[in-house]
Amino acid sequence: MSEFKVGDIITGKVAGIQGYGAFVALDDKTQGLVHISEIHHGFVKDVHEFLEVGQEVKVKILEINNETNKISLSIRATEEAPAKAKQESKRPQQQQMSSGPDEGFNTLRDKLQEWVDKADK
């Protein structure tokens, strides 16, 4: 396992698929796990929609735990994020919050004074 380092990007072969992710063989002796959240940018409901056993994939090594001999991998980290996701991540937090979800809070803000007035009567 010492030949691999965190940050390495290598080609492996999908060796098995579970509901929580996919096991990828990095060589004849070493496997790592690509968690379902690291398979694709965006939501992944079923790993089988993106991967199949025997498929070659490019993975990035995220973590190596020498005590448990486990390697965490990511396919997503080897791909460029979609333009929409990149654009949203560059916007300031305040702007992201003001589009959409705040509309419900405005209604509550408007109603608050009305409720306070009724409670005072």
C-alpha atoms as a PDB file:
ATOM      1  CA  MET A   1       0.000   0.000   0.000  1.00  0.00           C
ATOM      2  CA  SER A   2       3.011   2.287   0.480  1.00  0.00           C
ATOM      3  CA  GLU A   3       3.308   2.885  -3.276  1.00  0.00           C
ATOM      4  CA  PHE A   4       0.107   4.989  -3.225  1.00  0.00           C
ATOM      5  CA  LYS A   5      -0.078   8.509  -1.813  1.00  0.00           C
ATOM      6  CA  VAL A   6      -2.951  10.819  -0.906  1.00  0.00           C
ATOM      7  CA  GLY A   7      -3.635  13.051  -3.902  1.00  0.00           C
ATOM      8  CA  ASP A   8      -2.541  10.505  -6.511  1.00  0.00           C
ATOM      9  CA  ILE A   9      -4.833  10.183  -9.517  1.00  0.00           C
ATOM     10  CA  ILE A  10      -4.747   6.720 -11.012  1.00  0.00           C
ATOM     11  CA  THR A  11      -6.798   4.394 -13.183  1.00  0.00           C
ATOM     12  CA  GLY A  12      -8.461   1.477 -11.463  1.00  0.00           C
ATOM     13  CA  LYS A  13     -11.086  -1.127 -12.252  1.00  0.00           C
ATOM     14  CA  VAL A  14     -14.478  -1.385 -10.529  1.00  0.00           C
ATOM     15  CA  ALA A  15     -14.326  -4.659  -8.590  1.00  0.00           C
ATOM     16  CA  GLY A  16     -17.671  -4.522  -6.806  1.00  0.00           C
ATOM     17  CA  ILE A  17     -20.698  -2.323  -6.243  1.00  0.00           C
ATOM     18  CA  GLN A  18     -22.692  -1.851  -3.055  1.00  0.00           C
ATOM     19  CA  GLY A  19     -25.519   0.541  -2.215  1.00  0.00           C
ATOM     20  CA  TYR A  20     -23.056   2.837  -0.427  1.00  0.00           C
ATOM     21  CA  GLY A  21     -20.385   2.968  -3.137  1.00  0.00           C
ATOM     22  CA  ALA A  22     -18.019   1.017  -5.350  1.00  0.00           C
ATOM     23  CA  PHE A  23     -14.840  -0.909  -4.649  1.00  0.00           C
ATOM     24  CA  VAL A  24     -12.069  -0.134  -7.106  1.00  0.00           C
ATOM     25  CA  ALA A  25      -8.994  -2.319  -7.627  1.00  0.00           C
ATOM     26  CA  LEU A  26      -5.927  -0.097  -7.835  1.00  0.00           C
ATOM     27  CA  ASP A  27      -3.604  -3.034  -8.539  1.00  0.00           C
ATOM     28  CA  ASP A  28      -3.598  -6.819  -7.998  1.00  0.00           C
ATOM     29  CA  LYS A  29      -3.380  -6.468  -4.194  1.00  0.00           C
ATOM     30  CA  THR A  30      -4.979  -3.120  -3.385  1.00  0.00           C
ATOM     31  CA  GLN A  31      -8.598  -1.961  -3.409  1.00  0.00           C
ATOM     32  CA  GLY A  32     -10.225   1.252  -2.289  1.00  0.00           C
ATOM     33  CA  LEU A  33     -13.761   2.478  -1.815  1.00  0.00           C
ATOM     34  CA  VAL A  34     -15.448   5.257  -3.752  1.00  0.00           C
ATOM     35  CA  HIS A  35     -18.277   6.366  -1.458  1.00  0.00           C
ATOM     36  CA  ILE A  36     -21.571   7.072  -3.259  1.00  0.00           C
ATOM     37  CA  SER A  37     -21.113  10.811  -2.555  1.00  0.00           C
ATOM     38  CA  GLU A  38     -17.786  10.763  -4.440  1.00  0.00           C
ATOM     39  CA  ILE A  39     -19.033   9.083  -7.630  1.00  0.00           C
ATOM     40  CA  HIS A  40     -20.519  12.052  -9.458  1.00  0.00           C
ATOM     41  CA  HIS A  41     -21.183  15.777  -9.077  1.00  0.00           C
ATOM     42  CA  GLY A  42     -24.797  15.938  -7.993  1.00  0.00           C
ATOM     43  CA  PHE A  43     -27.101  13.391  -6.408  1.00  0.00           C
ATOM     44  CA  VAL A  44     -26.472   9.688  -6.955  1.00  0.00           C
ATOM     45  CA  LYS A  45     -29.397   7.465  -5.998  1.00  0.00           C
ATOM     46  CA  ASP A  46     -28.132   4.226  -7.516  1.00  0.00           C
ATOM     47  CA  VAL A  47     -24.433   3.509  -8.068  1.00  0.00           C
ATOM     48  CA  HIS A  48     -25.349   1.156 -10.943  1.00  0.00           C
ATOM     49  CA  GLU A  49     -26.564   4.163 -12.964  1.00  0.00           C
ATOM     50  CA  PHE A  50     -22.958   5.411 -13.148  1.00  0.00           C
ATOM     51  CA  LEU A  51     -20.689   2.373 -12.780  1.00  0.00           C
ATOM     52  CA  GLU A  52     -20.495  -1.306 -13.641  1.00  0.00           C
ATOM     53  CA  VAL A  53     -18.158  -4.059 -12.486  1.00  0.00           C
ATOM     54  CA  GLY A  54     -15.088  -4.288 -14.730  1.00  0.00           C
ATOM     55  CA  GLN A  55     -15.307  -0.643 -15.837  1.00  0.00           C
ATOM     56  CA  GLU A  56     -12.046   1.314 -15.784  1.00  0.00           C
ATOM     57  CA  VAL A  57     -12.284   4.569 -13.845  1.00  0.00           C
ATOM     58  CA  LYS A  58      -9.964   7.412 -12.982  1.00  0.00           C
ATOM     59  CA  VAL A  59      -9.856   7.960  -9.204  1.00  0.00           C
ATOM     60  CA  LYS A  60      -8.146  10.313  -6.785  1.00  0.00           C
ATOM     61  CA  ILE A  61      -6.869   8.995  -3.463  1.00  0.00           C
ATOM     62  CA  LEU A  62      -8.511  11.042  -0.702  1.00  0.00           C
ATOM     63  CA  GLU A  63      -7.290   9.176   2.367  1.00  0.00           C
ATOM     64  CA  ILE A  64      -5.153   6.201   3.295  1.00  0.00           C
ATOM     65  CA  ASN A  65      -5.681   4.609   6.705  1.00  0.00           C
ATOM     66  CA  ASN A  66      -2.673   2.349   7.313  1.00  0.00           C
ATOM     67  CA  GLU A  67      -4.118   0.983  10.570  1.00  0.00           C
ATOM     68  CA  THR A  68      -7.259  -0.391   8.898  1.00  0.00           C
ATOM     69  CA  ASN A  69      -5.709  -0.790   5.422  1.00  0.00           C
ATOM     70  CA  LYS A  70      -8.563   1.226   3.903  1.00  0.00           C
ATOM     71  CA  ILE A  71      -8.245   3.671   1.032  1.00  0.00           C
ATOM     72  CA  SER A  72     -10.881   6.325   0.317  1.00  0.00           C
ATOM     73  CA  LEU A  73     -11.219   7.250  -3.340  1.00  0.00           C
ATOM     74  CA  SER A  74     -13.101   9.813  -5.412  1.00  0.00           C
ATOM     75  CA  ILE A  75     -14.144   9.803  -9.041  1.00  0.00           C
ATOM     76  CA  ARG A  76     -15.824  13.187  -8.651  1.00  0.00           C
ATOM     77  CA  ALA A  77     -12.509  14.817  -7.674  1.00  0.00           C
ATOM     78  CA  THR A  78     -11.037  13.865 -11.052  1.00  0.00           C
ATOM     79  CA  GLU A  79     -13.809  15.620 -12.993  1.00  0.00           C
ATOM     80  CA  GLU A  80     -14.489  19.287 -13.453  1.00  0.00           C
ATOM     81  CA  ALA A  81     -17.560  20.487 -11.600  1.00  0.00           C
ATOM     82  CA  PRO A  82     -20.518  21.449 -13.795  1.00  0.00           C
ATOM     83  CA  ALA A  83     -20.650  25.160 -14.663  1.00  0.00           C
ATOM     84  CA  LYS A  84     -23.795  25.761 -12.588  1.00  0.00           C
ATOM     85  CA  ALA A  85     -22.249  24.264  -9.440  1.00  0.00           C
ATOM     86  CA  LYS A  86     -19.061  26.290  -9.898  1.00  0.00           C
ATOM     87  CA  GLN A  87     -21.012  29.505 -10.441  1.00  0.00           C
ATOM     88  CA  GLU A  88     -23.137  28.956  -7.316  1.00  0.00           C
ATOM     89  CA  SER A  89     -20.107  28.179  -5.182  1.00  0.00           C
ATOM     90  CA  LYS A  90     -18.471  31.456  -6.238  1.00  0.00           C
ATOM     91  CA  ARG A  91     -21.457  33.599  -5.237  1.00  0.00           C
ATOM     92  CA  PRO A  92     -21.368  35.096  -1.752  1.00  0.00           C
ATOM     93  CA  GLN A  93     -23.415  33.175   0.828  1.00  0.00           C
ATOM     94  CA  GLN A  94     -25.862  36.078   1.316  1.00  0.00           C
ATOM     95  CA  GLN A  95     -26.817  36.108  -2.372  1.00  0.00           C
ATOM     96  CA  GLN A  96     -27.416  32.355  -2.436  1.00  0.00           C
ATOM     97  CA  MET A  97     -29.729  32.610   0.540  1.00  0.00           C
ATOM     98  CA  SER A  98     -31.765  35.498  -0.872  1.00  0.00           C
ATOM     99  CA  SER A  99     -32.909  33.647  -3.979  1.00  0.00           C
ATOM    100  CA  GLY A 100     -35.801  31.377  -3.182  1.00  0.00           C
ATOM    101  CA  PRO A 101     -35.821  30.182   0.420  1.00  0.00           C
ATOM    102  CA  ASP A 102     -36.043  33.701   1.920  1.00  0.00           C
ATOM    103  CA  GLU A 103     -39.429  34.295   0.316  1.00  0.00           C
ATOM    104  CA  GLY A 104     -41.116  32.281   3.069  1.00  0.00           C
ATOM    105  CA  PHE A 105     -39.312  34.311   5.700  1.00  0.00           C
ATOM    106  CA  ASN A 106     -40.533  37.554   4.182  1.00  0.00           C
ATOM    107  CA  THR A 107     -44.108  36.373   4.659  1.00  0.00           C
ATOM    108  CA  LEU A 108     -43.380  35.582   8.295  1.00  0.00           C
ATOM    109  CA  ARG A 109     -41.690  38.956   8.746  1.00  0.00           C
ATOM    110  CA  ASP A 110     -44.738  40.723   7.289  1.00  0.00           C
ATOM    111  CA  LYS A 111     -47.140  38.721   9.470  1.00  0.00           C
ATOM    112  CA  LEU A 112     -45.132  39.160  12.673  1.00  0.00           C
ATOM    113  CA  GLN A 113     -46.267  42.730  13.297  1.00  0.00           C
ATOM    114  CA  GLU A 114     -49.879  41.755  12.610  1.00  0.00           C
ATOM    115  CA  TRP A 115     -49.632  38.919  15.147  1.00  0.00           C
ATOM    116  CA  VAL A 116     -48.002  41.174  17.741  1.00  0.00           C
ATOM    117  CA  ASP A 117     -50.809  43.746  17.298  1.00  0.00           C
ATOM    118  CA  LYS A 118     -53.475  41.029  17.749  1.00  0.00           C
ATOM    119  CA  ALA A 119     -51.738  39.698  20.865  1.00  0.00           C
ATOM    120  CA  ASP A 120     -51.664  43.202  22.418  1.00  0.00           C
ATOM    121  CA  LYS A 121     -55.461  43.603  22.042  1.00  0.00           C
END
